[in-house]
Amino acid sequence: MGNPYGDSTEPFKKDGQPPYGQQPPAGPPDYTQPQYGQPEYGQPQYGQPSYEQPQYGQPAYEQPQYGQPAYGPPTQYGQGYPGGYGSPAGLPPENYLVWAILCTVLCCLPLGIVSIIKSNSVNTLWAQGDQMGAARASEEAKKWAMWGAIIGVVGSVLGIIAYVIVIAATVNSTTSY
């Protein structure tokens, strides 16, 4: 049986290529290291400033210093920025979140979830400066919580009445012998 990669006594084929899967013989590896203290590839030495960066303790790139006013007109505490940005002055409308959660847990789950969503949007709209949207969301949260509570109470009363009727019918049918 012959060697499929060629004759092992012959290191190269006749065309000068090494046999398949064989590496050509290489010289010894180069273990030389660069000289310490000399920069390679044109890099600056350590401790030398480069790219004209500001020195330690100097202001960086013309940024405003602490304590200086920000850009634009000054605003008073609690007031929004001119042009309608930021929160408006005053307190946001009631969000009825507690009523929405109680309605969800105790009364009517679907209407309570809608009420929770509306009540969460009250503070978001207020923070965005949308006073009318926040007031509208507050009224809708109140409406959905109220309707959920009404449906929950009416459903509970109807359930109790149906339970009493079933018990009464059962008692009358067993005592009529």
N, C-alpha and C. Protein backbone atom coordinates (compact mmCIF):
# COMPACT_ATOMS: atom_id res chain seq x y z
N MET A 1 0.84 -1.17 0.00
CA MET A 1 0.00 0.00 0.00
C MET A 1 0.89 1.23 0.00
N GLY A 2 0.59 2.18 -0.85
CA GLY A 2 1.44 3.34 -1.02
C GLY A 2 0.92 4.55 -0.23
N ASN A 3 1.76 5.55 -0.08
CA ASN A 3 1.39 6.78 0.59
C ASN A 3 0.56 7.63 -0.37
N PRO A 4 -0.70 8.00 0.00
CA PRO A 4 -1.52 8.78 -0.94
C PRO A 4 -1.00 10.19 -1.12
N TYR A 5 -0.13 10.66 -0.24
CA TYR A 5 0.36 12.03 -0.33
C TYR A 5 1.71 12.11 -1.03
N GLY A 6 2.16 11.04 -1.49
CA GLY A 6 3.44 11.05 -2.18
C GLY A 6 4.48 10.26 -1.39
N ASP A 7 5.65 10.18 -1.97
CA ASP A 7 6.73 9.42 -1.35
C ASP A 7 7.35 10.26 -0.23
N SER A 8 7.51 9.66 0.97
CA SER A 8 8.03 10.41 2.12
C SER A 8 9.51 10.68 1.98
N THR A 9 10.19 9.98 1.14
CA THR A 9 11.61 10.24 0.96
C THR A 9 11.85 11.45 0.09
N GLU A 10 10.82 11.87 -0.61
CA GLU A 10 10.93 13.01 -1.52
C GLU A 10 10.23 14.21 -0.87
N PRO A 11 10.95 15.22 -0.31
CA PRO A 11 10.29 16.30 0.42
C PRO A 11 9.45 17.22 -0.48
N PHE A 12 9.78 17.38 -1.74
CA PHE A 12 9.01 18.23 -2.62
C PHE A 12 8.66 17.46 -3.88
N LYS A 13 7.53 17.85 -4.46
CA LYS A 13 7.18 17.26 -5.75
C LYS A 13 8.10 17.84 -6.81
N LYS A 14 7.93 17.35 -7.98
CA LYS A 14 8.80 17.79 -9.06
C LYS A 14 8.54 19.24 -9.44
N ASP A 15 7.32 19.78 -9.12
CA ASP A 15 7.03 21.17 -9.48
C ASP A 15 7.45 22.16 -8.40
N GLY A 16 8.10 21.69 -7.31
CA GLY A 16 8.58 22.59 -6.28
C GLY A 16 7.61 22.80 -5.13
N GLN A 17 6.42 22.21 -5.18
CA GLN A 17 5.43 22.34 -4.12
C GLN A 17 5.63 21.25 -3.08
N PRO A 18 5.36 21.53 -1.77
CA PRO A 18 5.43 20.46 -0.78
C PRO A 18 4.25 19.52 -0.97
N PRO A 19 4.34 18.29 -0.51
CA PRO A 19 3.22 17.36 -0.64
C PRO A 19 1.99 17.89 0.08
N TYR A 20 0.81 17.36 -0.32
CA TYR A 20 -0.46 17.83 0.25
C TYR A 20 -0.48 17.62 1.75
N GLY A 21 -0.87 18.65 2.52
CA GLY A 21 -0.97 18.56 3.97
C GLY A 21 0.34 18.81 4.67
N GLN A 22 1.41 19.05 3.96
CA GLN A 22 2.72 19.26 4.58
C GLN A 22 3.08 20.74 4.50
N GLN A 23 3.72 21.24 5.55
CA GLN A 23 4.18 22.62 5.56
C GLN A 23 5.60 22.66 4.99
N PRO A 24 5.93 23.71 4.30
CA PRO A 24 7.31 23.81 3.81
C PRO A 24 8.24 24.02 5.00
N PRO A 25 9.43 23.57 4.90
CA PRO A 25 10.36 23.76 6.01
C PRO A 25 10.62 25.25 6.21
N ALA A 26 10.61 25.68 7.47
CA ALA A 26 10.80 27.09 7.78
C ALA A 26 12.07 27.25 8.59
N GLY A 27 12.58 28.46 8.58
CA GLY A 27 13.78 28.76 9.36
C GLY A 27 13.41 28.94 10.83
N PRO A 28 14.36 29.28 11.64
CA PRO A 28 14.07 29.47 13.06
C PRO A 28 13.15 30.69 13.26
N PRO A 29 12.28 30.64 14.31
CA PRO A 29 11.36 31.77 14.53
C PRO A 29 12.11 33.01 15.00
N ASP A 30 11.51 34.18 14.74
CA ASP A 30 12.12 35.46 15.10
C ASP A 30 11.63 35.87 16.48
N TYR A 31 12.50 35.79 17.48
CA TYR A 31 12.13 36.13 18.86
C TYR A 31 12.67 37.48 19.29
N THR A 32 12.96 38.34 18.37
CA THR A 32 13.51 39.65 18.74
C THR A 32 12.40 40.53 19.28
N GLN A 33 12.74 41.34 20.27
CA GLN A 33 11.77 42.26 20.88
C GLN A 33 12.20 43.68 20.56
N PRO A 34 11.22 44.61 20.55
CA PRO A 34 11.59 46.00 20.29
C PRO A 34 12.36 46.56 21.49
N GLN A 35 13.14 47.56 21.23
CA GLN A 35 13.90 48.20 22.29
C GLN A 35 12.95 49.03 23.16
N TYR A 36 13.11 48.91 24.48
CA TYR A 36 12.26 49.66 25.39
C TYR A 36 12.65 51.14 25.38
N GLY A 37 11.63 52.00 25.57
CA GLY A 37 11.88 53.43 25.64
C GLY A 37 11.86 54.10 24.29
N GLN A 38 11.76 53.38 23.22
CA GLN A 38 11.70 53.99 21.90
C GLN A 38 10.28 53.86 21.36
N PRO A 39 9.71 54.92 20.86
CA PRO A 39 8.35 54.81 20.32
C PRO A 39 8.36 54.06 19.00
N GLU A 40 7.33 53.20 18.83
CA GLU A 40 7.19 52.49 17.57
C GLU A 40 6.15 53.19 16.71
N TYR A 41 6.30 53.08 15.45
CA TYR A 41 5.32 53.56 14.47
C TYR A 41 4.99 55.04 14.65
N GLY A 42 5.93 55.83 15.10
CA GLY A 42 5.71 57.26 15.19
C GLY A 42 4.82 57.68 16.34
N GLN A 43 4.59 56.82 17.33
CA GLN A 43 3.74 57.19 18.46
C GLN A 43 4.54 58.02 19.45
N PRO A 44 3.88 58.97 20.16
CA PRO A 44 4.62 59.78 21.13
C PRO A 44 4.97 58.95 22.36
N GLN A 45 5.99 59.36 23.05
CA GLN A 45 6.39 58.67 24.26
C GLN A 45 5.39 58.96 25.38
N TYR A 46 5.42 58.11 26.39
CA TYR A 46 4.51 58.29 27.52
C TYR A 46 4.84 59.59 28.25
N GLY A 47 3.79 60.27 28.72
CA GLY A 47 3.97 61.50 29.46
C GLY A 47 4.11 62.72 28.58
N GLN A 48 4.17 62.56 27.30
CA GLN A 48 4.29 63.68 26.38
C GLN A 48 2.90 64.06 25.86
N PRO A 49 2.52 65.32 25.90
CA PRO A 49 1.18 65.70 25.39
C PRO A 49 1.11 65.51 23.88
N SER A 50 -0.05 65.09 23.43
CA SER A 50 -0.24 64.91 22.00
C SER A 50 -1.61 65.44 21.61
N TYR A 51 -1.80 65.73 20.38
CA TYR A 51 -3.05 66.20 19.81
C TYR A 51 -3.54 67.49 20.47
N GLU A 52 -2.68 68.22 21.05
CA GLU A 52 -2.97 69.51 21.65
C GLU A 52 -4.15 69.45 22.61
N GLN A 53 -4.19 68.44 23.46
CA GLN A 53 -5.25 68.34 24.47
C GLN A 53 -4.93 69.28 25.62
N PRO A 54 -5.99 69.79 26.30
CA PRO A 54 -5.73 70.70 27.42
C PRO A 54 -5.05 69.97 28.58
N GLN A 55 -4.23 70.69 29.29
CA GLN A 55 -3.52 70.13 30.42
C GLN A 55 -4.48 69.94 31.60
N TYR A 56 -4.05 69.19 32.59
CA TYR A 56 -4.85 68.93 33.77
C TYR A 56 -5.18 70.24 34.48
N GLY A 57 -6.46 70.41 34.84
CA GLY A 57 -6.90 71.59 35.55
C GLY A 57 -7.31 72.74 34.66
N GLN A 58 -7.16 72.61 33.36
CA GLN A 58 -7.52 73.66 32.43
C GLN A 58 -8.91 73.38 31.86
N PRO A 59 -9.67 74.40 31.51
CA PRO A 59 -11.00 74.15 30.93
C PRO A 59 -10.87 73.42 29.60
N ALA A 60 -11.74 72.47 29.38
CA ALA A 60 -11.67 71.63 28.19
C ALA A 60 -12.57 72.16 27.10
N TYR A 61 -11.99 72.56 26.01
CA TYR A 61 -12.71 72.87 24.78
C TYR A 61 -13.82 73.90 24.96
N GLU A 62 -13.57 74.93 25.67
CA GLU A 62 -14.50 76.06 25.78
C GLU A 62 -15.87 75.67 26.31
N GLN A 63 -15.94 74.79 27.27
CA GLN A 63 -17.22 74.42 27.86
C GLN A 63 -17.56 75.42 28.95
N PRO A 64 -18.87 75.67 29.20
CA PRO A 64 -19.23 76.63 30.25
C PRO A 64 -18.84 76.10 31.62
N GLN A 65 -18.42 77.01 32.47
CA GLN A 65 -18.00 76.65 33.81
C GLN A 65 -19.23 76.47 34.71
N TYR A 66 -19.02 75.76 35.82
CA TYR A 66 -20.11 75.57 36.78
C TYR A 66 -20.52 76.92 37.36
N GLY A 67 -21.80 77.07 37.63
CA GLY A 67 -22.31 78.29 38.22
C GLY A 67 -22.74 79.31 37.20
N GLN A 68 -22.38 79.13 35.95
CA GLN A 68 -22.80 80.06 34.93
C GLN A 68 -24.20 79.69 34.46
N PRO A 69 -25.00 80.65 34.06
CA PRO A 69 -26.36 80.33 33.61
C PRO A 69 -26.34 79.54 32.31
N ALA A 70 -27.36 78.72 32.12
CA ALA A 70 -27.50 77.94 30.90
C ALA A 70 -27.93 78.86 29.76
N TYR A 71 -27.95 78.33 28.58
CA TYR A 71 -28.36 79.11 27.42
C TYR A 71 -29.84 79.43 27.51
N GLY A 72 -30.24 80.55 26.96
CA GLY A 72 -31.65 80.92 26.94
C GLY A 72 -32.00 81.82 28.10
N PRO A 73 -33.25 82.27 28.14
CA PRO A 73 -33.65 83.18 29.21
C PRO A 73 -33.75 82.44 30.54
N PRO A 74 -33.47 83.12 31.65
CA PRO A 74 -33.57 82.46 32.95
C PRO A 74 -35.03 82.18 33.31
N THR A 75 -35.26 81.10 34.01
CA THR A 75 -36.61 80.74 34.44
C THR A 75 -36.66 80.70 35.95
N GLN A 76 -37.83 80.96 36.50
CA GLN A 76 -38.04 80.88 37.94
C GLN A 76 -38.32 79.44 38.32
N TYR A 77 -38.06 79.09 39.57
CA TYR A 77 -38.30 77.73 40.04
C TYR A 77 -39.78 77.41 39.94
N GLY A 78 -40.11 76.24 39.37
CA GLY A 78 -41.50 75.81 39.25
C GLY A 78 -42.19 76.27 37.99
N GLN A 79 -41.53 77.12 37.20
CA GLN A 79 -42.13 77.58 35.96
C GLN A 79 -41.52 76.82 34.80
N GLY A 80 -42.32 76.58 33.79
CA GLY A 80 -41.82 75.91 32.60
C GLY A 80 -41.01 76.86 31.74
N TYR A 81 -40.40 76.34 30.72
CA TYR A 81 -39.64 77.15 29.81
C TYR A 81 -40.57 77.90 28.87
N PRO A 82 -40.16 79.05 28.38
CA PRO A 82 -41.01 79.77 27.43
C PRO A 82 -41.23 78.93 26.17
N GLY A 83 -42.40 79.02 25.63
CA GLY A 83 -42.71 78.26 24.42
C GLY A 83 -43.43 76.97 24.72
N GLY A 84 -43.77 76.71 25.96
CA GLY A 84 -44.59 75.55 26.29
C GLY A 84 -43.82 74.29 26.63
N TYR A 85 -42.49 74.36 26.78
CA TYR A 85 -41.73 73.17 27.11
C TYR A 85 -41.66 73.00 28.62
N GLY A 86 -41.64 71.75 29.06
CA GLY A 86 -41.51 71.48 30.49
C GLY A 86 -42.86 71.43 31.17
N SER A 87 -42.83 71.18 32.47
CA SER A 87 -44.05 71.05 33.24
C SER A 87 -44.66 72.43 33.50
N PRO A 88 -45.97 72.54 33.43
CA PRO A 88 -46.60 73.81 33.75
C PRO A 88 -46.59 74.03 35.26
N ALA A 89 -46.81 75.28 35.66
CA ALA A 89 -46.82 75.61 37.08
C ALA A 89 -48.08 75.04 37.73
N GLY A 90 -47.97 74.70 38.99
CA GLY A 90 -49.12 74.18 39.72
C GLY A 90 -49.06 72.68 39.85
N LEU A 91 -50.12 72.15 40.45
CA LEU A 91 -50.21 70.71 40.67
C LEU A 91 -50.96 70.04 39.53
N PRO A 92 -50.58 68.80 39.20
CA PRO A 92 -51.32 68.09 38.15
C PRO A 92 -52.70 67.70 38.65
N PRO A 93 -53.64 67.41 37.76
CA PRO A 93 -54.96 66.97 38.19
C PRO A 93 -54.90 65.60 38.86
N GLU A 94 -55.92 65.27 39.62
CA GLU A 94 -56.00 63.98 40.31
C GLU A 94 -55.95 62.86 39.27
N ASN A 95 -55.17 61.80 39.55
CA ASN A 95 -55.07 60.73 38.56
C ASN A 95 -55.95 59.53 38.90
N TYR A 96 -56.52 59.45 40.07
CA TYR A 96 -57.46 58.39 40.48
C TYR A 96 -56.84 56.99 40.35
N LEU A 97 -55.54 56.87 40.59
CA LEU A 97 -54.87 55.59 40.45
C LEU A 97 -55.32 54.61 41.53
N VAL A 98 -55.52 55.10 42.75
CA VAL A 98 -55.97 54.21 43.84
C VAL A 98 -57.34 53.63 43.52
N TRP A 99 -58.25 54.48 43.04
CA TRP A 99 -59.60 54.02 42.69
C TRP A 99 -59.54 53.03 41.52
N ALA A 100 -58.65 53.27 40.59
CA ALA A 100 -58.51 52.37 39.44
C ALA A 100 -58.01 51.00 39.90
N ILE A 101 -57.04 50.97 40.82
CA ILE A 101 -56.53 49.69 41.31
C ILE A 101 -57.59 48.96 42.11
N LEU A 102 -58.31 49.68 42.98
CA LEU A 102 -59.38 49.05 43.76
C LEU A 102 -60.48 48.51 42.86
N CYS A 103 -60.80 49.26 41.82
CA CYS A 103 -61.82 48.79 40.87
C CYS A 103 -61.35 47.54 40.15
N THR A 104 -60.09 47.49 39.79
CA THR A 104 -59.55 46.32 39.10
C THR A 104 -59.57 45.09 39.99
N VAL A 105 -59.16 45.24 41.24
CA VAL A 105 -59.05 44.10 42.13
C VAL A 105 -60.41 43.64 42.65
N LEU A 106 -61.28 44.59 43.02
CA LEU A 106 -62.52 44.24 43.71
C LEU A 106 -63.75 44.19 42.83
N CYS A 107 -63.78 44.91 41.74
CA CYS A 107 -65.05 45.05 41.01
C CYS A 107 -65.02 44.46 39.61
N CYS A 108 -64.45 45.19 38.69
CA CYS A 108 -64.55 44.80 37.28
C CYS A 108 -63.17 44.91 36.64
N LEU A 109 -62.57 43.79 36.32
CA LEU A 109 -61.19 43.75 35.83
C LEU A 109 -60.99 44.53 34.52
N PRO A 110 -61.79 44.33 33.48
CA PRO A 110 -61.51 45.04 32.21
C PRO A 110 -61.61 46.56 32.34
N LEU A 111 -62.66 47.05 33.00
CA LEU A 111 -62.81 48.50 33.12
C LEU A 111 -61.76 49.07 34.07
N GLY A 112 -61.35 48.30 35.06
CA GLY A 112 -60.29 48.75 35.96
C GLY A 112 -58.95 48.89 35.25
N ILE A 113 -58.67 47.99 34.32
CA ILE A 113 -57.41 48.08 33.56
C ILE A 113 -57.41 49.33 32.69
N VAL A 114 -58.54 49.63 32.05
CA VAL A 114 -58.63 50.85 31.25
C VAL A 114 -58.43 52.07 32.14
N SER A 115 -59.01 52.04 33.34
CA SER A 115 -58.86 53.15 34.27
C SER A 115 -57.41 53.32 34.72
N ILE A 116 -56.71 52.22 34.94
CA ILE A 116 -55.29 52.31 35.33
C ILE A 116 -54.47 52.94 34.20
N ILE A 117 -54.73 52.54 32.98
CA ILE A 117 -53.99 53.10 31.84
C ILE A 117 -54.23 54.60 31.72
N LYS A 118 -55.49 55.00 31.86
CA LYS A 118 -55.81 56.43 31.77
C LYS A 118 -55.18 57.21 32.93
N SER A 119 -55.19 56.63 34.14
CA SER A 119 -54.64 57.35 35.28
C SER A 119 -53.12 57.47 35.18
N ASN A 120 -52.46 56.51 34.58
CA ASN A 120 -51.01 56.62 34.39
C ASN A 120 -50.65 57.67 33.35
N SER A 121 -51.52 57.91 32.40
CA SER A 121 -51.22 58.90 31.37
C SER A 121 -51.42 60.34 31.88
N VAL A 122 -52.08 60.52 33.03
CA VAL A 122 -52.30 61.87 33.55
C VAL A 122 -50.96 62.54 33.85
N ASN A 123 -50.11 61.90 34.64
CA ASN A 123 -48.84 62.52 35.02
C ASN A 123 -47.90 62.65 33.83
N THR A 124 -47.97 61.71 32.89
CA THR A 124 -47.11 61.80 31.71
C THR A 124 -47.49 63.02 30.87
N LEU A 125 -48.77 63.20 30.64
CA LEU A 125 -49.22 64.34 29.85
C LEU A 125 -48.93 65.66 30.57
N TRP A 126 -49.06 65.67 31.87
CA TRP A 126 -48.77 66.88 32.64
C TRP A 126 -47.29 67.24 32.54
N ALA A 127 -46.42 66.22 32.63
CA ALA A 127 -44.98 66.47 32.53
C ALA A 127 -44.59 66.96 31.15
N GLN A 128 -45.34 66.57 30.14
CA GLN A 128 -45.06 67.02 28.77
C GLN A 128 -45.60 68.43 28.52
N GLY A 129 -46.36 68.97 29.47
CA GLY A 129 -46.91 70.31 29.31
C GLY A 129 -48.30 70.33 28.70
N ASP A 130 -48.92 69.19 28.52
CA ASP A 130 -50.26 69.11 27.92
C ASP A 130 -51.30 69.14 29.04
N GLN A 131 -51.69 70.36 29.45
CA GLN A 131 -52.63 70.50 30.56
C GLN A 131 -54.01 69.98 30.19
N MET A 132 -54.47 70.29 29.00
CA MET A 132 -55.80 69.84 28.57
C MET A 132 -55.84 68.31 28.44
N GLY A 133 -54.79 67.72 27.89
CA GLY A 133 -54.73 66.27 27.77
C GLY A 133 -54.70 65.59 29.12
N ALA A 134 -53.98 66.18 30.09
CA ALA A 134 -53.93 65.62 31.43
C ALA A 134 -55.28 65.71 32.11
N ALA A 135 -55.98 66.83 31.94
CA ALA A 135 -57.32 66.97 32.54
C ALA A 135 -58.30 65.99 31.90
N ARG A 136 -58.20 65.81 30.58
CA ARG A 136 -59.08 64.87 29.89
C ARG A 136 -58.80 63.43 30.35
N ALA A 137 -57.52 63.07 30.48
CA ALA A 137 -57.18 61.72 30.94
C ALA A 137 -57.62 61.51 32.38
N SER A 138 -57.57 62.54 33.21
CA SER A 138 -58.04 62.43 34.58
C SER A 138 -59.54 62.16 34.63
N GLU A 139 -60.29 62.88 33.82
CA GLU A 139 -61.74 62.66 33.79
C GLU A 139 -62.08 61.27 33.24
N GLU A 140 -61.35 60.81 32.25
CA GLU A 140 -61.61 59.47 31.72
C GLU A 140 -61.24 58.38 32.73
N ALA A 141 -60.15 58.58 33.47
CA ALA A 141 -59.78 57.61 34.51
C ALA A 141 -60.86 57.53 35.57
N LYS A 142 -61.39 58.69 35.96
CA LYS A 142 -62.48 58.73 36.95
C LYS A 142 -63.73 58.04 36.40
N LYS A 143 -64.05 58.31 35.14
CA LYS A 143 -65.25 57.72 34.53
C LYS A 143 -65.14 56.19 34.47
N TRP A 144 -63.98 55.67 34.00
CA TRP A 144 -63.84 54.22 33.88
C TRP A 144 -63.81 53.54 35.24
N ALA A 145 -63.20 54.17 36.25
CA ALA A 145 -63.20 53.59 37.60
C ALA A 145 -64.61 53.58 38.17
N MET A 146 -65.37 54.65 37.93
CA MET A 146 -66.74 54.73 38.45
C MET A 146 -67.63 53.68 37.78
N TRP A 147 -67.53 53.54 36.47
CA TRP A 147 -68.34 52.55 35.77
C TRP A 147 -67.95 51.13 36.18
N GLY A 148 -66.69 50.90 36.39
CA GLY A 148 -66.24 49.59 36.86
C GLY A 148 -66.78 49.28 38.24
N ALA A 149 -66.80 50.29 39.13
CA ALA A 149 -67.33 50.09 40.48
C ALA A 149 -68.84 49.85 40.43
N ILE A 150 -69.54 50.60 39.58
CA ILE A 150 -71.01 50.42 39.47
C ILE A 150 -71.32 49.03 38.95
N ILE A 151 -70.62 48.59 37.90
CA ILE A 151 -70.87 47.26 37.35
C ILE A 151 -70.52 46.18 38.37
N GLY A 152 -69.44 46.39 39.12
CA GLY A 152 -69.06 45.42 40.15
C GLY A 152 -70.10 45.31 41.26
N VAL A 153 -70.62 46.45 41.72
CA VAL A 153 -71.64 46.43 42.79
C VAL A 153 -72.94 45.82 42.28
N VAL A 154 -73.38 46.24 41.09
CA VAL A 154 -74.63 45.69 40.53
C VAL A 154 -74.48 44.19 40.29
N GLY A 155 -73.34 43.74 39.78
CA GLY A 155 -73.12 42.31 39.57
C GLY A 155 -73.10 41.55 40.88
N SER A 156 -72.52 42.13 41.91
CA SER A 156 -72.52 41.46 43.22
C SER A 156 -73.93 41.34 43.79
N VAL A 157 -74.72 42.40 43.69
CA VAL A 157 -76.10 42.37 44.19
C VAL A 157 -76.91 41.34 43.42
N LEU A 158 -76.77 41.31 42.10
CA LEU A 158 -77.50 40.32 41.30
C LEU A 158 -77.04 38.90 41.64
N GLY A 159 -75.77 38.72 41.90
CA GLY A 159 -75.28 37.40 42.28
C GLY A 159 -75.83 36.96 43.62
N ILE A 160 -75.91 37.86 44.58
CA ILE A 160 -76.48 37.52 45.89
C ILE A 160 -77.96 37.18 45.75
N ILE A 161 -78.70 37.96 44.96
CA ILE A 161 -80.14 37.69 44.76
C ILE A 161 -80.31 36.32 44.09
N ALA A 162 -79.52 36.02 43.07
CA ALA A 162 -79.62 34.72 42.41
C ALA A 162 -79.27 33.59 43.37
N TYR A 163 -78.32 33.78 44.23
CA TYR A 163 -77.94 32.76 45.21
C TYR A 163 -79.08 32.53 46.20
N VAL A 164 -79.70 33.59 46.67
CA VAL A 164 -80.82 33.46 47.61
C VAL A 164 -81.99 32.74 46.94
N ILE A 165 -82.27 33.06 45.68
CA ILE A 165 -83.38 32.40 44.97
C ILE A 165 -83.10 30.92 44.80
N VAL A 166 -81.90 30.56 44.46
CA VAL A 166 -81.55 29.15 44.29
C VAL A 166 -81.65 28.41 45.63
N ILE A 167 -81.19 29.00 46.70
CA ILE A 167 -81.28 28.37 48.02
C ILE A 167 -82.75 28.22 48.43
N ALA A 168 -83.54 29.26 48.19
CA ALA A 168 -84.96 29.19 48.55
C ALA A 168 -85.67 28.11 47.73
N ALA A 169 -85.36 28.00 46.46
CA ALA A 169 -85.99 26.97 45.63
C ALA A 169 -85.58 25.58 46.09
N THR A 170 -84.36 25.42 46.50
CA THR A 170 -83.88 24.12 46.97
C THR A 170 -84.55 23.75 48.29
N VAL A 171 -84.70 24.71 49.19
CA VAL A 171 -85.34 24.44 50.48
C VAL A 171 -86.81 24.10 50.27
N ASN A 172 -87.52 24.81 49.39
CA ASN A 172 -88.95 24.54 49.16
C ASN A 172 -89.15 23.18 48.50
N SER A 173 -88.24 22.76 47.63
CA SER A 173 -88.44 21.47 46.95
C SER A 173 -88.16 20.31 47.90
N THR A 174 -87.34 20.45 48.90
CA THR A 174 -87.05 19.35 49.82
C THR A 174 -88.06 19.26 50.95
N THR A 175 -88.76 20.32 51.29
CA THR A 175 -89.73 20.31 52.39
C THR A 175 -91.17 20.11 51.90
N SER A 176 -91.43 19.95 50.63
CA SER A 176 -92.79 19.83 50.13
C SER A 176 -93.33 18.42 50.16
N TYR A 177 -92.75 17.45 50.78
CA TYR A 177 -93.24 16.07 50.84
C TYR A 177 -94.48 16.01 51.61
